[in-house]
Amino acid sequence: MLGRRDVLKGTMAIGAGLAASGWAVPGLAQGLPGPLQSPGVQPAGAPLPPGAAVPGMAPVSPAAALPTSPVGTPEYNRRILANAKRQVERLGSKLWRTDVVGMADFSRPSWEPRMHFANLENGTVRSFLLAHGKGSDLDHTGWLQTFSSQYGSLATSRGAYLTCEWYTGKYGTSIRLVGLDPDNRTALERMIVMHSAWYVDPGMIAKWGKIGRSDGCFAMSQTDFNEALWHLSGGRLLFADRIV
């Protein structure tokens, strides 16, 4: 596992890569002493070991967290992997790690797993429930209707995000995100992050036929969000759109 010094070096590399590509983000290139740093921040390094304690969250057994079988069809999963690879190639040096890509496919309703962890090293896809923003589904149909990056919209924004450090905030342990496309460039200012939420749970589907909505953030269940902390934070890609 990488030590704290290696983690900060890697985080600085993210900032340097963004700056070199015209994506200077205050705080990243300086090792997070600025706007991206807040009390209680824990920078993300290598994936956390299975069962590791995360501040504000109970340790979860990896065996319990992983789906026992792929959710999508083989053809669907192939398209998710192909799209993930294309996005990695498009973004190039803006990413620190390219082993796992988070693909949020909002062409699917909220009662279906639509946050896909595409492993480009072994060609596998694991899928989880994911909430969209209230402003993207005003009537709470369970389907994302619109994307928006406007302040106060409470909507989901489409595009590529860089996953940064994890920290403890309003929603407990969360992953900070940097928008890399014109349609989501306001993500930092809008405080769009990844976090866990009680309303993203299979029990909600059993009761209401759909899960709840976020304020525009990428919300997962607590068990599934532990997976994101282990495998998606620390300079990887999260891509959101109507993908397949």
C-alpha atoms as a PDB file:
ATOM      1  CA  MET A   1       0.000   0.000   0.000  1.00  0.00           C
ATOM      2  CA  LEU A   2       1.202   3.531  -0.740  1.00  0.00           C
ATOM      3  CA  GLY A   3       2.258   5.637   2.190  1.00  0.00           C
ATOM      4  CA  ARG A   4       1.015   9.173   2.894  1.00  0.00           C
ATOM      5  CA  ARG A   5       4.007  10.706   1.097  1.00  0.00           C
ATOM      6  CA  ASP A   6       3.344   8.623  -2.000  1.00  0.00           C
ATOM      7  CA  VAL A   7      -0.325   9.542  -1.853  1.00  0.00           C
ATOM      8  CA  LEU A   8       0.433  13.255  -1.759  1.00  0.00           C
ATOM      9  CA  LYS A   9       2.916  12.839  -4.599  1.00  0.00           C
ATOM     10  CA  GLY A  10       0.241  11.133  -6.631  1.00  0.00           C
ATOM     11  CA  THR A  11      -2.277  13.828  -5.779  1.00  0.00           C
ATOM     12  CA  MET A  12       0.210  16.487  -6.856  1.00  0.00           C
ATOM     13  CA  ALA A  13       0.677  14.556 -10.073  1.00  0.00           C
ATOM     14  CA  ILE A  14      -3.054  14.860 -10.696  1.00  0.00           C
ATOM     15  CA  GLY A  15      -2.843  18.606 -10.232  1.00  0.00           C
ATOM     16  CA  ALA A  16       0.240  18.883 -12.416  1.00  0.00           C
ATOM     17  CA  GLY A  17      -1.416  16.869 -15.160  1.00  0.00           C
ATOM     18  CA  LEU A  18      -4.530  19.032 -15.035  1.00  0.00           C
ATOM     19  CA  ALA A  19      -2.499  22.229 -15.058  1.00  0.00           C
ATOM     20  CA  ALA A  20      -0.427  21.042 -18.015  1.00  0.00           C
ATOM     21  CA  SER A  21      -3.636  20.370 -19.897  1.00  0.00           C
ATOM     22  CA  GLY A  22      -5.216  23.710 -19.011  1.00  0.00           C
ATOM     23  CA  TRP A  23      -7.210  22.321 -16.091  1.00  0.00           C
ATOM     24  CA  ALA A  24      -5.529  24.089 -13.184  1.00  0.00           C
ATOM     25  CA  VAL A  25      -7.465  23.305 -10.008  1.00  0.00           C
ATOM     26  CA  PRO A  26      -6.523  25.313  -6.897  1.00  0.00           C
ATOM     27  CA  GLY A  27      -5.208  23.062  -4.166  1.00  0.00           C
ATOM     28  CA  LEU A  28      -4.414  19.947  -6.243  1.00  0.00           C
ATOM     29  CA  ALA A  29      -1.050  20.920  -7.631  1.00  0.00           C
ATOM     30  CA  GLN A  30       0.058  22.120  -4.187  1.00  0.00           C
ATOM     31  CA  GLY A  31      -0.742  18.876  -2.377  1.00  0.00           C
ATOM     32  CA  LEU A  32      -4.244  19.948  -1.301  1.00  0.00           C
ATOM     33  CA  PRO A  33      -3.479  22.851   1.069  1.00  0.00           C
ATOM     34  CA  GLY A  34      -6.138  25.066  -0.555  1.00  0.00           C
ATOM     35  CA  PRO A  35      -9.846  24.924  -1.399  1.00  0.00           C
ATOM     36  CA  LEU A  36      -9.902  21.155  -1.809  1.00  0.00           C
ATOM     37  CA  GLN A  37      -8.547  20.630   1.692  1.00  0.00           C
ATOM     38  CA  SER A  38     -10.907  20.714   4.667  1.00  0.00           C
ATOM     39  CA  PRO A  39     -10.770  19.512   8.288  1.00  0.00           C
ATOM     40  CA  GLY A  40     -10.884  15.761   8.502  1.00  0.00           C
ATOM     41  CA  VAL A  41      -9.774  15.199   4.901  1.00  0.00           C
ATOM     42  CA  GLN A  42      -8.130  11.878   4.272  1.00  0.00           C
ATOM     43  CA  PRO A  43      -6.322  11.826   0.902  1.00  0.00           C
ATOM     44  CA  ALA A  44      -6.950   8.777  -1.251  1.00  0.00           C
ATOM     45  CA  GLY A  45      -4.043   6.557  -2.154  1.00  0.00           C
ATOM     46  CA  ALA A  46      -4.107   2.954  -3.243  1.00  0.00           C
ATOM     47  CA  PRO A  47      -7.486   1.218  -2.790  1.00  0.00           C
ATOM     48  CA  LEU A  48      -8.243   0.631   0.862  1.00  0.00           C
ATOM     49  CA  PRO A  49      -7.705  -2.958   1.993  1.00  0.00           C
ATOM     50  CA  PRO A  50     -10.895  -5.026   2.207  1.00  0.00           C
ATOM     51  CA  GLY A  51     -12.567  -4.524   5.561  1.00  0.00           C
ATOM     52  CA  ALA A  52     -10.532  -1.396   6.378  1.00  0.00           C
ATOM     53  CA  ALA A  53     -12.217   1.013   8.772  1.00  0.00           C
ATOM     54  CA  VAL A  54     -13.331   4.229   7.098  1.00  0.00           C
ATOM     55  CA  PRO A  55     -14.136   7.247   9.303  1.00  0.00           C
ATOM     56  CA  GLY A  56     -17.875   7.588   9.714  1.00  0.00           C
ATOM     57  CA  MET A  57     -18.644   4.240   8.107  1.00  0.00           C
ATOM     58  CA  ALA A  58     -18.762   0.711   9.437  1.00  0.00           C
ATOM     59  CA  PRO A  59     -16.316  -1.789   7.925  1.00  0.00           C
ATOM     60  CA  VAL A  60     -18.003  -4.006   5.374  1.00  0.00           C
ATOM     61  CA  SER A  61     -16.980  -7.482   4.353  1.00  0.00           C
ATOM     62  CA  PRO A  62     -15.834  -7.462   0.703  1.00  0.00           C
ATOM     63  CA  ALA A  63     -17.639 -10.726   0.142  1.00  0.00           C
ATOM     64  CA  ALA A  64     -20.883  -9.116   1.243  1.00  0.00           C
ATOM     65  CA  ALA A  65     -20.265  -5.982  -0.833  1.00  0.00           C
ATOM     66  CA  LEU A  66     -19.594  -7.597  -4.192  1.00  0.00           C
ATOM     67  CA  PRO A  67     -22.439  -8.784  -6.411  1.00  0.00           C
ATOM     68  CA  THR A  68     -22.335 -12.531  -6.905  1.00  0.00           C
ATOM     69  CA  SER A  69     -22.926 -12.216 -10.653  1.00  0.00           C
ATOM     70  CA  PRO A  70     -22.846  -9.492 -13.328  1.00  0.00           C
ATOM     71  CA  VAL A  71     -26.032  -7.440 -13.548  1.00  0.00           C
ATOM     72  CA  GLY A  72     -25.889  -6.556 -17.245  1.00  0.00           C
ATOM     73  CA  THR A  73     -25.942  -8.867 -20.224  1.00  0.00           C
ATOM     74  CA  PRO A  74     -22.577  -9.786 -21.737  1.00  0.00           C
ATOM     75  CA  GLU A  75     -23.280  -7.455 -24.687  1.00  0.00           C
ATOM     76  CA  TYR A  76     -24.234  -4.566 -22.401  1.00  0.00           C
ATOM     77  CA  ASN A  77     -21.100  -5.073 -20.313  1.00  0.00           C
ATOM     78  CA  ARG A  78     -18.960  -5.120 -23.461  1.00  0.00           C
ATOM     79  CA  ARG A  79     -20.405  -1.751 -24.460  1.00  0.00           C
ATOM     80  CA  ILE A  80     -19.762  -0.344 -20.981  1.00  0.00           C
ATOM     81  CA  LEU A  81     -16.135  -1.507 -21.165  1.00  0.00           C
ATOM     82  CA  ALA A  82     -15.711  -0.108 -24.683  1.00  0.00           C
ATOM     83  CA  ASN A  83     -17.138   3.265 -23.623  1.00  0.00           C
ATOM     84  CA  ALA A  84     -14.906   3.329 -20.542  1.00  0.00           C
ATOM     85  CA  LYS A  85     -11.835   2.668 -22.677  1.00  0.00           C
ATOM     86  CA  ARG A  86     -12.779   5.456 -25.107  1.00  0.00           C
ATOM     87  CA  GLN A  87     -13.173   7.948 -22.280  1.00  0.00           C
ATOM     88  CA  VAL A  88      -9.814   6.988 -20.776  1.00  0.00           C
ATOM     89  CA  GLU A  89      -8.156   7.458 -24.160  1.00  0.00           C
ATOM     90  CA  ARG A  90      -9.886  10.831 -24.593  1.00  0.00           C
ATOM     91  CA  LEU A  91      -8.794  12.170 -21.219  1.00  0.00           C
ATOM     92  CA  GLY A  92      -5.287  10.713 -21.231  1.00  0.00           C
ATOM     93  CA  SER A  93      -2.929  12.372 -18.765  1.00  0.00           C
ATOM     94  CA  LYS A  94      -5.721  14.061 -16.795  1.00  0.00           C
ATOM     95  CA  LEU A  95      -6.225  10.732 -15.002  1.00  0.00           C
ATOM     96  CA  TRP A  96      -3.884   9.317 -12.387  1.00  0.00           C
ATOM     97  CA  ARG A  97      -5.182   5.738 -12.464  1.00  0.00           C
ATOM     98  CA  THR A  98      -6.924   3.949 -15.319  1.00  0.00           C
ATOM     99  CA  ASP A  99      -7.441   0.431 -13.968  1.00  0.00           C
ATOM    100  CA  VAL A 100     -11.092   0.938 -12.928  1.00  0.00           C
ATOM    101  CA  VAL A 101     -13.557   3.422 -14.427  1.00  0.00           C
ATOM    102  CA  GLY A 102     -16.905   4.367 -12.925  1.00  0.00           C
ATOM    103  CA  MET A 103     -19.599   4.511 -15.631  1.00  0.00           C
ATOM    104  CA  ALA A 104     -22.925   6.030 -14.526  1.00  0.00           C
ATOM    105  CA  ASP A 105     -25.471   5.048 -17.183  1.00  0.00           C
ATOM    106  CA  PHE A 106     -28.496   7.292 -16.726  1.00  0.00           C
ATOM    107  CA  SER A 107     -30.328   5.710 -19.625  1.00  0.00           C
ATOM    108  CA  ARG A 108     -31.433   3.218 -16.964  1.00  0.00           C
ATOM    109  CA  PRO A 109     -34.016   3.938 -14.218  1.00  0.00           C
ATOM    110  CA  SER A 110     -33.090   4.314 -10.576  1.00  0.00           C
ATOM    111  CA  TRP A 111     -34.502   0.904  -9.624  1.00  0.00           C
ATOM    112  CA  GLU A 112     -31.854  -0.802 -11.770  1.00  0.00           C
ATOM    113  CA  PRO A 113     -28.110  -0.936 -10.995  1.00  0.00           C
ATOM    114  CA  ARG A 114     -26.553   1.745 -13.200  1.00  0.00           C
ATOM    115  CA  MET A 115     -23.253   2.651 -11.550  1.00  0.00           C
ATOM    116  CA  HIS A 116     -20.848   0.321 -13.299  1.00  0.00           C
ATOM    117  CA  PHE A 117     -17.281  -0.291 -12.184  1.00  0.00           C
ATOM    118  CA  ALA A 118     -15.543  -1.202 -15.434  1.00  0.00           C
ATOM    119  CA  ASN A 119     -12.262  -2.989 -14.762  1.00  0.00           C
ATOM    120  CA  LEU A 120     -10.141  -2.378 -17.850  1.00  0.00           C
ATOM    121  CA  GLU A 121      -7.414  -4.724 -16.618  1.00  0.00           C
ATOM    122  CA  ASN A 122      -9.491  -7.899 -16.371  1.00  0.00           C
ATOM    123  CA  GLY A 123     -12.500  -6.965 -18.511  1.00  0.00           C
ATOM    124  CA  THR A 124     -15.148  -7.307 -15.787  1.00  0.00           C
ATOM    125  CA  VAL A 125     -18.077  -5.060 -14.851  1.00  0.00           C
ATOM    126  CA  ARG A 126     -19.708  -4.795 -11.416  1.00  0.00           C
ATOM    127  CA  SER A 127     -22.898  -2.780 -11.033  1.00  0.00           C
ATOM    128  CA  PHE A 128     -24.567  -0.890  -8.171  1.00  0.00           C
ATOM    129  CA  LEU A 129     -27.584   1.290  -7.440  1.00  0.00           C
ATOM    130  CA  LEU A 130     -27.057   5.036  -7.949  1.00  0.00           C
ATOM    131  CA  ALA A 131     -29.248   8.064  -7.273  1.00  0.00           C
ATOM    132  CA  HIS A 132     -29.682  11.029  -9.591  1.00  0.00           C
ATOM    133  CA  GLY A 133     -30.429  14.632  -8.625  1.00  0.00           C
ATOM    134  CA  LYS A 134     -33.847  15.983  -7.673  1.00  0.00           C
ATOM    135  CA  GLY A 135     -33.535  18.657 -10.334  1.00  0.00           C
ATOM    136  CA  SER A 136     -33.086  15.986 -12.992  1.00  0.00           C
ATOM    137  CA  ASP A 137     -36.367  14.277 -12.096  1.00  0.00           C
ATOM    138  CA  LEU A 138     -38.775  16.843 -10.643  1.00  0.00           C
ATOM    139  CA  ASP A 139     -41.734  14.460 -10.562  1.00  0.00           C
ATOM    140  CA  HIS A 140     -39.666  11.647  -9.016  1.00  0.00           C
ATOM    141  CA  THR A 141     -40.441   9.153 -11.754  1.00  0.00           C
ATOM    142  CA  GLY A 142     -37.230   7.208 -11.170  1.00  0.00           C
ATOM    143  CA  TRP A 143     -35.916   8.257 -14.600  1.00  0.00           C
ATOM    144  CA  LEU A 144     -33.373  11.025 -15.151  1.00  0.00           C
ATOM    145  CA  GLN A 145     -35.112  13.579 -17.385  1.00  0.00           C
ATOM    146  CA  THR A 146     -32.517  16.333 -17.776  1.00  0.00           C
ATOM    147  CA  PHE A 147     -28.902  17.169 -16.992  1.00  0.00           C
ATOM    148  CA  SER A 148     -27.812  20.545 -15.643  1.00  0.00           C
ATOM    149  CA  SER A 149     -24.691  22.190 -14.268  1.00  0.00           C
ATOM    150  CA  GLN A 150     -26.508  25.329 -13.078  1.00  0.00           C
ATOM    151  CA  TYR A 151     -26.055  26.461  -9.492  1.00  0.00           C
ATOM    152  CA  GLY A 152     -29.059  25.604  -7.353  1.00  0.00           C
ATOM    153  CA  SER A 153     -30.489  23.199  -9.934  1.00  0.00           C
ATOM    154  CA  LEU A 154     -30.023  20.136  -7.681  1.00  0.00           C
ATOM    155  CA  ALA A 155     -29.527  18.268 -10.949  1.00  0.00           C
ATOM    156  CA  THR A 156     -27.046  15.675 -12.156  1.00  0.00           C
ATOM    157  CA  SER A 157     -24.396  16.896 -14.596  1.00  0.00           C
ATOM    158  CA  ARG A 158     -23.154  14.786 -17.484  1.00  0.00           C
ATOM    159  CA  GLY A 159     -19.511  14.353 -18.394  1.00  0.00           C
ATOM    160  CA  ALA A 160     -16.177  13.111 -17.068  1.00  0.00           C
ATOM    161  CA  TYR A 161     -15.142  13.600 -13.442  1.00  0.00           C
ATOM    162  CA  LEU A 162     -11.783  13.098 -11.787  1.00  0.00           C
ATOM    163  CA  THR A 163     -12.163  11.379  -8.403  1.00  0.00           C
ATOM    164  CA  CYS A 164      -9.982  13.074  -5.801  1.00  0.00           C
ATOM    165  CA  GLU A 165      -9.390  12.588  -2.091  1.00  0.00           C
ATOM    166  CA  TRP A 166     -11.961  11.337   0.354  1.00  0.00           C
ATOM    167  CA  TYR A 167     -12.978  13.472   3.303  1.00  0.00           C
ATOM    168  CA  THR A 168     -15.537  13.646   6.107  1.00  0.00           C
ATOM    169  CA  GLY A 169     -18.308  16.159   5.471  1.00  0.00           C
ATOM    170  CA  LYS A 170     -22.069  16.689   5.575  1.00  0.00           C
ATOM    171  CA  TYR A 171     -22.798  13.194   4.253  1.00  0.00           C
ATOM    172  CA  GLY A 172     -20.033  11.437   6.179  1.00  0.00           C
ATOM    173  CA  THR A 173     -17.128  10.046   4.224  1.00  0.00           C
ATOM    174  CA  SER A 174     -17.306  11.353   0.650  1.00  0.00           C
ATOM    175  CA  ILE A 175     -15.185  11.503  -2.498  1.00  0.00           C
ATOM    176  CA  ARG A 176     -14.480  14.917  -3.967  1.00  0.00           C
ATOM    177  CA  LEU A 177     -14.960  15.302  -7.723  1.00  0.00           C
ATOM    178  CA  VAL A 178     -13.496  17.623 -10.355  1.00  0.00           C
ATOM    179  CA  GLY A 179     -15.497  18.132 -13.551  1.00  0.00           C
ATOM    180  CA  LEU A 180     -13.393  17.722 -16.687  1.00  0.00           C
ATOM    181  CA  ASP A 181     -15.955  18.624 -19.357  1.00  0.00           C
ATOM    182  CA  PRO A 182     -17.859  21.839 -20.186  1.00  0.00           C
ATOM    183  CA  ASP A 183     -21.120  20.267 -18.990  1.00  0.00           C
ATOM    184  CA  ASN A 184     -19.814  19.563 -15.477  1.00  0.00           C
ATOM    185  CA  ARG A 185     -17.053  22.115 -14.949  1.00  0.00           C
ATOM    186  CA  THR A 186     -18.952  23.628 -11.985  1.00  0.00           C
ATOM    187  CA  ALA A 187     -18.830  20.382  -9.969  1.00  0.00           C
ATOM    188  CA  LEU A 188     -16.375  21.684  -7.356  1.00  0.00           C
ATOM    189  CA  GLU A 189     -18.264  24.936  -6.818  1.00  0.00           C
ATOM    190  CA  ARG A 190     -21.602  23.090  -6.671  1.00  0.00           C
ATOM    191  CA  MET A 191     -20.065  20.646  -4.172  1.00  0.00           C
ATOM    192  CA  ILE A 192     -20.989  17.648  -6.323  1.00  0.00           C
ATOM    193  CA  VAL A 193     -19.370  14.620  -4.700  1.00  0.00           C
ATOM    194  CA  MET A 194     -19.798  10.883  -4.262  1.00  0.00           C
ATOM    195  CA  HIS A 195     -21.297   9.846  -0.927  1.00  0.00           C
ATOM    196  CA  SER A 196     -23.435   7.211   0.740  1.00  0.00           C
ATOM    197  CA  ALA A 197     -27.140   7.745   1.437  1.00  0.00           C
ATOM    198  CA  TRP A 198     -29.872   5.888   3.295  1.00  0.00           C
ATOM    199  CA  TYR A 199     -32.322   6.361   0.412  1.00  0.00           C
ATOM    200  CA  VAL A 200     -30.202   4.302  -2.000  1.00  0.00           C
ATOM    201  CA  ASP A 201     -31.180   0.872  -0.794  1.00  0.00           C
ATOM    202  CA  PRO A 202     -33.008  -2.156  -2.229  1.00  0.00           C
ATOM    203  CA  GLY A 203     -35.558  -1.718   0.556  1.00  0.00           C
ATOM    204  CA  MET A 204     -36.632   1.580  -1.013  1.00  0.00           C
ATOM    205  CA  ILE A 205     -37.320  -0.216  -4.288  1.00  0.00           C
ATOM    206  CA  ALA A 206     -39.361  -2.875  -2.518  1.00  0.00           C
ATOM    207  CA  LYS A 207     -41.452  -0.158  -0.823  1.00  0.00           C
ATOM    208  CA  TRP A 208     -41.663   2.603  -3.446  1.00  0.00           C
ATOM    209  CA  GLY A 209     -40.554   0.994  -6.699  1.00  0.00           C
ATOM    210  CA  LYS A 210     -37.512   3.293  -6.941  1.00  0.00           C
ATOM    211  CA  ILE A 211     -34.763   4.791  -4.820  1.00  0.00           C
ATOM    212  CA  GLY A 212     -34.599   8.371  -3.559  1.00  0.00           C
ATOM    213  CA  ARG A 213     -32.943  11.378  -5.194  1.00  0.00           C
ATOM    214  CA  SER A 214     -29.827  13.349  -4.264  1.00  0.00           C
ATOM    215  CA  ASP A 215     -29.087  17.080  -4.511  1.00  0.00           C
ATOM    216  CA  GLY A 216     -27.092  16.378  -7.657  1.00  0.00           C
ATOM    217  CA  CYS A 217     -24.424  14.187  -6.071  1.00  0.00           C
ATOM    218  CA  PHE A 218     -23.597  10.589  -6.988  1.00  0.00           C
ATOM    219  CA  ALA A 219     -25.174   8.803  -4.022  1.00  0.00           C
ATOM    220  CA  MET A 220     -24.794   5.071  -3.383  1.00  0.00           C
ATOM    221  CA  SER A 221     -25.796   2.785  -0.551  1.00  0.00           C
ATOM    222  CA  GLN A 222     -23.356   2.598   2.351  1.00  0.00           C
ATOM    223  CA  THR A 223     -22.247  -0.926   1.485  1.00  0.00           C
ATOM    224  CA  ASP A 224     -21.740  -0.073  -2.178  1.00  0.00           C
ATOM    225  CA  PHE A 225     -20.039   3.233  -1.396  1.00  0.00           C
ATOM    226  CA  ASN A 226     -17.355   1.368   0.515  1.00  0.00           C
ATOM    227  CA  GLU A 227     -16.604  -0.261  -2.843  1.00  0.00           C
ATOM    228  CA  ALA A 228     -16.182   3.192  -4.388  1.00  0.00           C
ATOM    229  CA  LEU A 229     -13.770   4.184  -1.618  1.00  0.00           C
ATOM    230  CA  TRP A 230     -11.705   1.069  -2.201  1.00  0.00           C
ATOM    231  CA  HIS A 231     -11.715   1.022  -5.988  1.00  0.00           C
ATOM    232  CA  LEU A 232     -12.758   4.365  -7.535  1.00  0.00           C
ATOM    233  CA  SER A 233     -11.166   7.184  -5.518  1.00  0.00           C
ATOM    234  CA  GLY A 234      -7.689   8.623  -5.892  1.00  0.00           C
ATOM    235  CA  GLY A 235      -7.470  10.006  -9.427  1.00  0.00           C
ATOM    236  CA  ARG A 236      -9.683   7.645 -11.393  1.00  0.00           C
ATOM    237  CA  LEU A 237     -12.434   8.457 -13.882  1.00  0.00           C
ATOM    238  CA  LEU A 238     -16.151   8.700 -13.194  1.00  0.00           C
ATOM    239  CA  PHE A 239     -18.166   9.255 -16.374  1.00  0.00           C
ATOM    240  CA  ALA A 240     -21.869  10.093 -16.377  1.00  0.00           C
ATOM    241  CA  ASP A 241     -24.286  10.237 -19.296  1.00  0.00           C
ATOM    242  CA  ARG A 242     -26.959   8.251 -21.071  1.00  0.00           C
ATOM    243  CA  ILE A 243     -24.290   5.806 -22.118  1.00  0.00           C
ATOM    244  CA  VAL A 244     -25.794   2.691 -23.701  1.00  0.00           C
END
